[in-house]
Amino acid sequence: MFYHVKELQFNARVSKPDPRFAKLLLEQFGGGNGELKAAMQYFVQAFGAKDPYPDKYDMLMDIATEEFSHLEIVGATIQMLLTGVNGELKDAAGTDEIMQLLDGKTKKESFIHEAMTNPHFLVTSGGGPLVTDSNGIPWSGTYVNAMGDLSVDLRSNIAAESRAKVVYEYLMKLTDDPYVKQTLGFLMTREVAHFQMFQAALKTIEPNFPPAVLQSDPRYSNTYYNMSSGNDFRGPWNEGVSPGLGETWQYIEDPLSQVIDTNGLLDLEPTGTKRTLESMQEADKKLSDIRSTEVKEVSPPKENQWSTYLTEE
């Protein structure tokens, strides 16, 4: 159940109208890394987490709801940036005031050019925010990543918060309005906060690597193939110990020879690892039982009810 409070979470302000930046800010309203995408992604992910991870369900719903409030902040800022423009577009008989607002013929021609690049924003909508990105591409449910495995979803969310932070950084470089910069700085900082929340939540799921349930094949999990010619670089991604499984990286200088010598890798033996095919299969079964039990223990076999309504005595 949602309850809307009409005051914004952050006191968003603008110092003057700026139709061009309003168009750019649409990226965080209906774009692939915007607030609506984040809200819907965490909202959808939460349903599958309710039974096995009720604490993560609570977190995802809280953050999803906050993302909706950020969508409201972005929408309100866009509307304020269009102050004057929105009203004058609706004055079908008048032309003088919008000419003054747009500083004469040159600015008006520029405004018309902007309208042509995204007609839905400045012509169809009359200047209000639409659920599109800055190029007028409609928001799509394909932006939402929800795999049904919380360790995978949390990693996806960490990446989503990272991308959103970068977009806000770019947007802050494209406006001189100090008030708008304050708002964007707040929204950018909340991306950092959510990043840390998802990161901390992921650490409470054990084991969480590799993602999902099935283990990786020890014959192939620590091999690095030199697949290009030229300057070959070495680093912690191809030498030393792998960060996730703690296996020793095997650097394959000539991948073709290895493929030929091992019958297309079928005869390759595990090297640089204590894991075996047998231990992998045992781990698959063990973790499968754990994850299955987590759900079954909290799922009633017959009648089910999502909410328990508590009444005051």
Protein backbone atom coordinates (compact mmCIF):
# COMPACT_ATOMS: atom_id res chain seq x y z
CA MET A 1 0.00 0.00 0.00
CA PHE A 2 1.45 3.34 -1.04
CA TYR A 3 0.70 6.65 0.61
CA HIS A 4 1.72 9.81 -1.20
CA VAL A 5 3.07 12.79 0.73
CA LYS A 6 3.01 15.83 -1.52
CA GLU A 7 6.21 17.40 -0.16
CA LEU A 8 9.34 16.34 -2.02
CA GLN A 9 12.00 14.32 -0.23
CA PHE A 10 14.56 16.99 -1.21
CA ASN A 11 13.83 20.72 -1.56
CA ALA A 12 14.31 20.92 -5.34
CA ARG A 13 14.70 24.42 -6.76
CA VAL A 14 15.72 26.13 -10.00
CA SER A 15 17.01 29.69 -10.46
CA LYS A 16 15.63 30.21 -13.98
CA PRO A 17 13.90 28.36 -16.82
CA ASP A 18 16.13 26.18 -18.99
CA PRO A 19 14.23 24.14 -21.62
CA ARG A 20 17.39 22.60 -23.05
CA PHE A 21 18.54 21.17 -19.73
CA ALA A 22 14.99 20.04 -18.98
CA LYS A 23 15.23 17.89 -22.09
CA LEU A 24 18.57 16.44 -20.98
CA LEU A 25 17.19 15.69 -17.52
CA LEU A 26 14.55 13.48 -19.08
CA GLU A 27 17.32 10.88 -19.24
CA GLN A 28 16.89 10.34 -15.49
CA PHE A 29 13.10 10.38 -15.71
CA GLY A 30 12.42 7.75 -18.36
CA GLY A 31 15.87 6.64 -19.53
CA GLY A 32 17.56 3.27 -19.25
CA ASN A 33 19.53 4.33 -16.15
CA GLY A 34 16.90 6.63 -14.68
CA GLU A 35 14.82 6.68 -11.53
CA LEU A 36 11.78 4.90 -12.97
CA LYS A 37 13.98 2.02 -14.11
CA ALA A 38 15.53 1.74 -10.64
CA ALA A 39 12.17 1.92 -8.86
CA MET A 40 10.61 -0.75 -11.05
CA GLN A 41 13.67 -3.00 -10.92
CA TYR A 42 13.85 -3.12 -7.14
CA PHE A 43 10.06 -3.34 -6.85
CA VAL A 44 9.93 -6.38 -9.15
CA GLN A 45 12.91 -8.06 -7.49
CA ALA A 46 11.35 -7.70 -4.06
CA PHE A 47 8.48 -10.13 -4.73
CA GLY A 48 10.74 -13.16 -5.11
CA ALA A 49 12.72 -12.22 -2.01
CA LYS A 50 9.75 -11.99 0.37
CA ASP A 51 9.73 -15.59 1.60
CA PRO A 52 13.39 -16.68 1.60
CA TYR A 53 14.81 -13.25 2.50
CA PRO A 54 12.17 -11.12 4.27
CA ASP A 55 14.85 -8.68 5.43
CA LYS A 56 16.00 -8.11 1.83
CA TYR A 57 12.35 -7.80 0.76
CA ASP A 58 11.98 -4.96 3.24
CA MET A 59 15.16 -3.27 1.96
CA LEU A 60 14.21 -3.61 -1.72
CA MET A 61 10.73 -2.20 -1.12
CA ASP A 62 12.14 0.72 0.90
CA ILE A 63 14.70 1.59 -1.77
CA ALA A 64 12.18 1.11 -4.60
CA THR A 65 9.81 3.52 -2.87
CA GLU A 66 12.61 6.04 -2.40
CA GLU A 67 13.41 5.75 -6.11
CA PHE A 68 9.81 6.70 -6.88
CA SER A 69 10.34 9.78 -4.73
CA HIS A 70 13.47 10.55 -6.75
CA LEU A 71 11.41 10.23 -9.93
CA GLU A 72 9.10 12.83 -8.42
CA ILE A 73 12.06 15.15 -7.73
CA VAL A 74 13.32 14.80 -11.30
CA GLY A 75 9.84 15.39 -12.74
CA ALA A 76 9.30 18.45 -10.55
CA THR A 77 12.68 19.86 -11.57
CA ILE A 78 11.90 19.36 -15.25
CA GLN A 79 8.59 21.14 -14.79
CA MET A 80 10.24 24.06 -13.00
CA LEU A 81 12.87 24.33 -15.73
CA LEU A 82 9.98 24.76 -18.18
CA THR A 83 8.26 27.50 -16.17
CA GLY A 84 6.84 30.00 -18.62
CA VAL A 85 7.47 27.83 -21.64
CA ASN A 86 4.75 25.40 -20.63
CA GLY A 87 2.15 28.13 -20.18
CA GLU A 88 3.05 30.05 -23.30
CA LEU A 89 2.88 26.96 -25.46
CA LYS A 90 -0.73 26.63 -24.35
CA ASP A 91 -1.49 30.23 -25.33
CA ALA A 92 -2.43 29.43 -28.91
CA ALA A 93 -3.28 33.04 -29.78
CA GLY A 94 -0.28 34.79 -28.24
CA THR A 95 3.29 35.02 -29.55
CA ASP A 96 4.86 38.10 -27.94
CA GLU A 97 5.43 36.67 -24.46
CA ILE A 98 7.09 33.45 -25.58
CA MET A 99 9.32 35.52 -27.90
CA GLN A 100 10.41 37.56 -24.88
CA LEU A 101 10.94 34.44 -22.81
CA LEU A 102 13.09 32.92 -25.52
CA ASP A 103 15.04 36.15 -26.08
CA GLY A 104 14.03 36.88 -29.63
CA LYS A 105 14.13 35.13 -32.99
CA THR A 106 17.46 33.33 -32.56
CA LYS A 107 16.43 31.67 -29.31
CA LYS A 108 13.01 30.82 -30.72
CA GLU A 109 14.58 29.13 -33.75
CA SER A 110 16.85 27.20 -31.40
CA PHE A 111 13.83 26.19 -29.34
CA ILE A 112 12.05 24.96 -32.48
CA HIS A 113 15.15 22.96 -33.38
CA GLU A 114 15.09 21.34 -29.95
CA ALA A 115 11.40 20.56 -30.42
CA MET A 116 12.15 18.84 -33.72
CA THR A 117 14.73 16.56 -32.07
CA ASN A 118 12.21 15.44 -29.44
CA PRO A 119 8.71 16.47 -30.59
CA HIS A 120 6.96 14.40 -27.91
CA PHE A 121 8.59 16.48 -25.18
CA LEU A 122 8.03 20.03 -26.45
CA VAL A 123 5.14 19.63 -28.90
CA THR A 124 2.99 16.63 -28.03
CA SER A 125 3.19 17.11 -24.26
CA GLY A 126 3.20 20.89 -24.30
CA GLY A 127 6.34 20.95 -22.18
CA GLY A 128 5.57 18.46 -19.41
CA PRO A 129 7.82 15.47 -18.59
CA LEU A 130 7.00 12.26 -20.42
CA VAL A 131 8.20 8.75 -19.68
CA THR A 132 10.98 8.89 -22.27
CA ASP A 133 14.69 9.48 -22.35
CA SER A 134 16.27 12.71 -23.61
CA ASN A 135 15.89 11.56 -27.23
CA GLY A 136 12.19 10.81 -26.89
CA ILE A 137 12.63 7.03 -26.76
CA PRO A 138 9.81 5.61 -24.58
CA TRP A 139 10.67 3.91 -21.31
CA SER A 140 10.71 0.13 -21.68
CA GLY A 141 10.27 -2.78 -19.31
CA THR A 142 13.35 -4.30 -20.91
CA TYR A 143 15.39 -1.89 -18.76
CA VAL A 144 14.38 -3.92 -15.68
CA ASN A 145 16.75 -6.71 -14.62
CA ALA A 146 15.25 -9.32 -12.31
CA MET A 147 16.65 -12.85 -12.46
CA GLY A 148 14.94 -14.39 -9.43
CA ASP A 149 18.26 -15.12 -7.71
CA LEU A 150 18.99 -12.47 -5.09
CA SER A 151 22.78 -12.71 -5.37
CA VAL A 152 22.47 -11.98 -9.09
CA ASP A 153 19.87 -9.25 -8.64
CA LEU A 154 21.92 -7.44 -5.98
CA ARG A 155 24.96 -7.41 -8.26
CA SER A 156 22.79 -6.02 -11.03
CA ASN A 157 21.56 -3.32 -8.65
CA ILE A 158 25.11 -2.36 -7.69
CA ALA A 159 25.86 -1.88 -11.38
CA ALA A 160 22.62 0.07 -11.89
CA GLU A 161 23.45 2.50 -9.08
CA SER A 162 26.94 2.95 -10.54
CA ARG A 163 25.57 3.83 -13.98
CA ALA A 164 23.00 6.22 -12.55
CA LYS A 165 25.70 8.00 -10.53
CA VAL A 166 27.76 8.55 -13.68
CA VAL A 167 24.76 10.00 -15.54
CA TYR A 168 24.20 12.50 -12.72
CA GLU A 169 27.88 13.45 -12.86
CA TYR A 170 27.59 14.15 -16.58
CA LEU A 171 24.38 16.14 -16.11
CA MET A 172 25.99 18.30 -13.41
CA LYS A 173 28.58 19.42 -15.96
CA LEU A 174 25.86 20.60 -18.33
CA THR A 175 24.05 23.07 -16.07
CA ASP A 176 25.17 26.31 -14.43
CA ASP A 177 22.13 26.55 -12.18
CA PRO A 178 23.42 26.22 -8.56
CA TYR A 179 20.04 25.03 -7.31
CA VAL A 180 19.78 22.33 -9.95
CA LYS A 181 23.35 21.25 -9.12
CA GLN A 182 22.29 20.85 -5.48
CA THR A 183 19.40 18.60 -6.47
CA LEU A 184 21.55 16.52 -8.80
CA GLY A 185 24.21 16.25 -6.09
CA PHE A 186 21.64 14.89 -3.65
CA LEU A 187 20.34 12.34 -6.16
CA MET A 188 23.89 11.31 -7.09
CA THR A 189 24.77 10.81 -3.43
CA ARG A 190 21.74 8.61 -2.85
CA GLU A 191 23.03 6.36 -5.66
CA VAL A 192 26.22 5.93 -3.63
CA ALA A 193 24.19 5.17 -0.50
CA HIS A 194 22.08 2.55 -2.31
CA PHE A 195 25.24 1.02 -3.83
CA GLN A 196 26.55 0.42 -0.31
CA MET A 197 23.23 -0.98 0.90
CA PHE A 198 23.11 -3.54 -1.90
CA GLN A 199 26.78 -4.38 -1.37
CA ALA A 200 26.23 -4.95 2.35
CA ALA A 201 23.12 -7.05 1.70
CA LEU A 202 25.01 -9.24 -0.76
CA LYS A 203 27.63 -10.01 1.87
CA THR A 204 24.95 -11.43 4.17
CA ILE A 205 24.06 -14.13 1.63
CA GLU A 206 26.49 -17.00 2.05
CA PRO A 207 27.71 -18.46 -0.13
CA ASN A 208 27.14 -15.88 -2.86
CA PHE A 209 29.94 -16.74 -5.30
CA PRO A 210 29.68 -17.84 -7.99
CA PRO A 211 26.28 -16.18 -8.53
CA ALA A 212 23.18 -18.41 -8.46
CA VAL A 213 23.42 -22.09 -7.44
CA LEU A 214 25.54 -24.26 -9.72
CA GLN A 215 29.30 -24.24 -9.27
CA SER A 216 31.85 -23.61 -12.00
CA ASP A 217 33.83 -26.38 -13.70
CA PRO A 218 37.34 -26.47 -12.12
CA ARG A 219 38.85 -27.34 -15.51
CA TYR A 220 37.94 -23.94 -16.90
CA SER A 221 37.35 -21.60 -13.95
CA ASN A 222 40.92 -20.31 -13.61
CA THR A 223 42.25 -20.28 -17.19
CA TYR A 224 43.12 -17.01 -18.90
CA TYR A 225 43.36 -17.21 -22.68
CA ASN A 226 45.71 -14.88 -24.53
CA MET A 227 43.32 -14.22 -27.40
CA SER A 228 45.11 -11.29 -29.04
CA SER A 229 48.51 -10.46 -30.48
CA GLY A 230 50.57 -7.42 -29.58
CA ASN A 231 51.31 -6.01 -26.15
CA ASP A 232 50.23 -8.64 -23.64
CA PHE A 233 49.61 -7.40 -20.12
CA ARG A 234 49.67 -9.34 -16.88
CA GLY A 235 47.82 -8.43 -13.73
CA PRO A 236 45.65 -9.85 -10.93
CA TRP A 237 43.12 -10.88 -13.59
CA ASN A 238 45.55 -13.42 -15.15
CA GLU A 239 48.31 -14.10 -12.62
CA GLY A 240 48.40 -14.96 -8.94
CA VAL A 241 45.25 -16.14 -7.18
CA SER A 242 41.70 -15.52 -8.42
CA PRO A 243 39.72 -13.28 -6.04
CA GLY A 244 36.52 -15.33 -5.93
CA LEU A 245 37.53 -19.00 -5.82
CA GLY A 246 41.11 -18.58 -4.62
CA GLU A 247 42.53 -20.60 -7.50
CA THR A 248 45.83 -19.98 -9.27
CA TRP A 249 45.38 -18.36 -12.66
CA GLN A 250 46.61 -20.48 -15.56
CA TYR A 251 47.86 -18.19 -18.35
CA ILE A 252 47.43 -19.89 -21.71
CA GLU A 253 49.85 -18.28 -24.12
CA ASP A 254 48.73 -20.38 -27.08
CA PRO A 255 45.00 -21.21 -26.75
CA LEU A 256 44.85 -22.99 -30.12
CA SER A 257 47.50 -25.52 -29.13
CA GLN A 258 45.69 -26.27 -25.88
CA VAL A 259 42.40 -26.80 -27.71
CA ILE A 260 44.03 -29.21 -30.18
CA ASP A 261 46.02 -31.09 -27.52
CA THR A 262 43.00 -31.63 -25.23
CA ASN A 263 40.41 -32.71 -27.79
CA GLY A 264 38.60 -29.39 -27.70
CA LEU A 265 39.20 -29.00 -23.94
CA LEU A 266 37.28 -32.19 -23.15
CA ASP A 267 40.43 -33.92 -21.86
CA LEU A 268 41.69 -30.95 -19.88
CA GLU A 269 42.50 -31.67 -16.24
CA PRO A 270 41.95 -29.19 -13.38
CA THR A 271 45.20 -27.31 -12.63
CA GLY A 272 46.00 -24.75 -9.97
CA THR A 273 42.94 -25.58 -7.89
CA LYS A 274 41.95 -27.93 -5.10
CA ARG A 275 38.50 -28.35 -6.57
CA THR A 276 37.63 -31.43 -8.59
CA LEU A 277 34.68 -32.45 -10.76
CA GLU A 278 33.45 -34.60 -7.88
CA SER A 279 33.64 -31.77 -5.34
CA MET A 280 31.88 -29.49 -7.81
CA GLN A 281 28.97 -31.92 -8.11
CA GLU A 282 28.77 -32.29 -4.33
CA ALA A 283 28.71 -28.51 -3.92
CA ASP A 284 25.97 -28.25 -6.58
CA LYS A 285 23.75 -30.63 -4.65
CA LYS A 286 24.48 -29.08 -1.26
CA LEU A 287 23.73 -25.52 -2.33
CA SER A 288 20.67 -26.62 -4.31
CA ASP A 289 19.29 -28.22 -1.16
CA ILE A 290 20.02 -25.08 0.88
CA ARG A 291 18.35 -22.69 -1.55
CA SER A 292 15.36 -24.98 -2.09
CA THR A 293 14.88 -25.46 1.65
CA GLU A 294 15.02 -21.69 2.25
CA VAL A 295 11.93 -21.27 0.11
CA LYS A 296 10.05 -24.42 1.12
CA GLU A 297 10.37 -23.75 4.86
CA VAL A 298 8.47 -20.48 4.59
CA SER A 299 6.03 -21.38 1.80
CA PRO A 300 2.72 -22.96 2.89
CA PRO A 301 1.79 -26.07 0.86
CA LYS A 302 -1.81 -24.99 0.20
CA GLU A 303 -3.63 -21.77 1.01
CA ASN A 304 -1.42 -18.72 1.04
CA GLN A 305 -1.84 -15.11 2.12
CA TRP A 306 0.59 -12.29 1.35
CA SER A 307 -0.17 -10.00 4.30
CA THR A 308 -0.97 -10.48 7.95
CA TYR A 309 -3.13 -7.59 9.11
CA LEU A 310 -2.44 -6.61 12.71
CA THR A 311 -5.17 -4.81 14.63
CA GLU A 312 -4.66 -2.61 17.67
CA GLU A 313 -6.04 -4.02 20.89
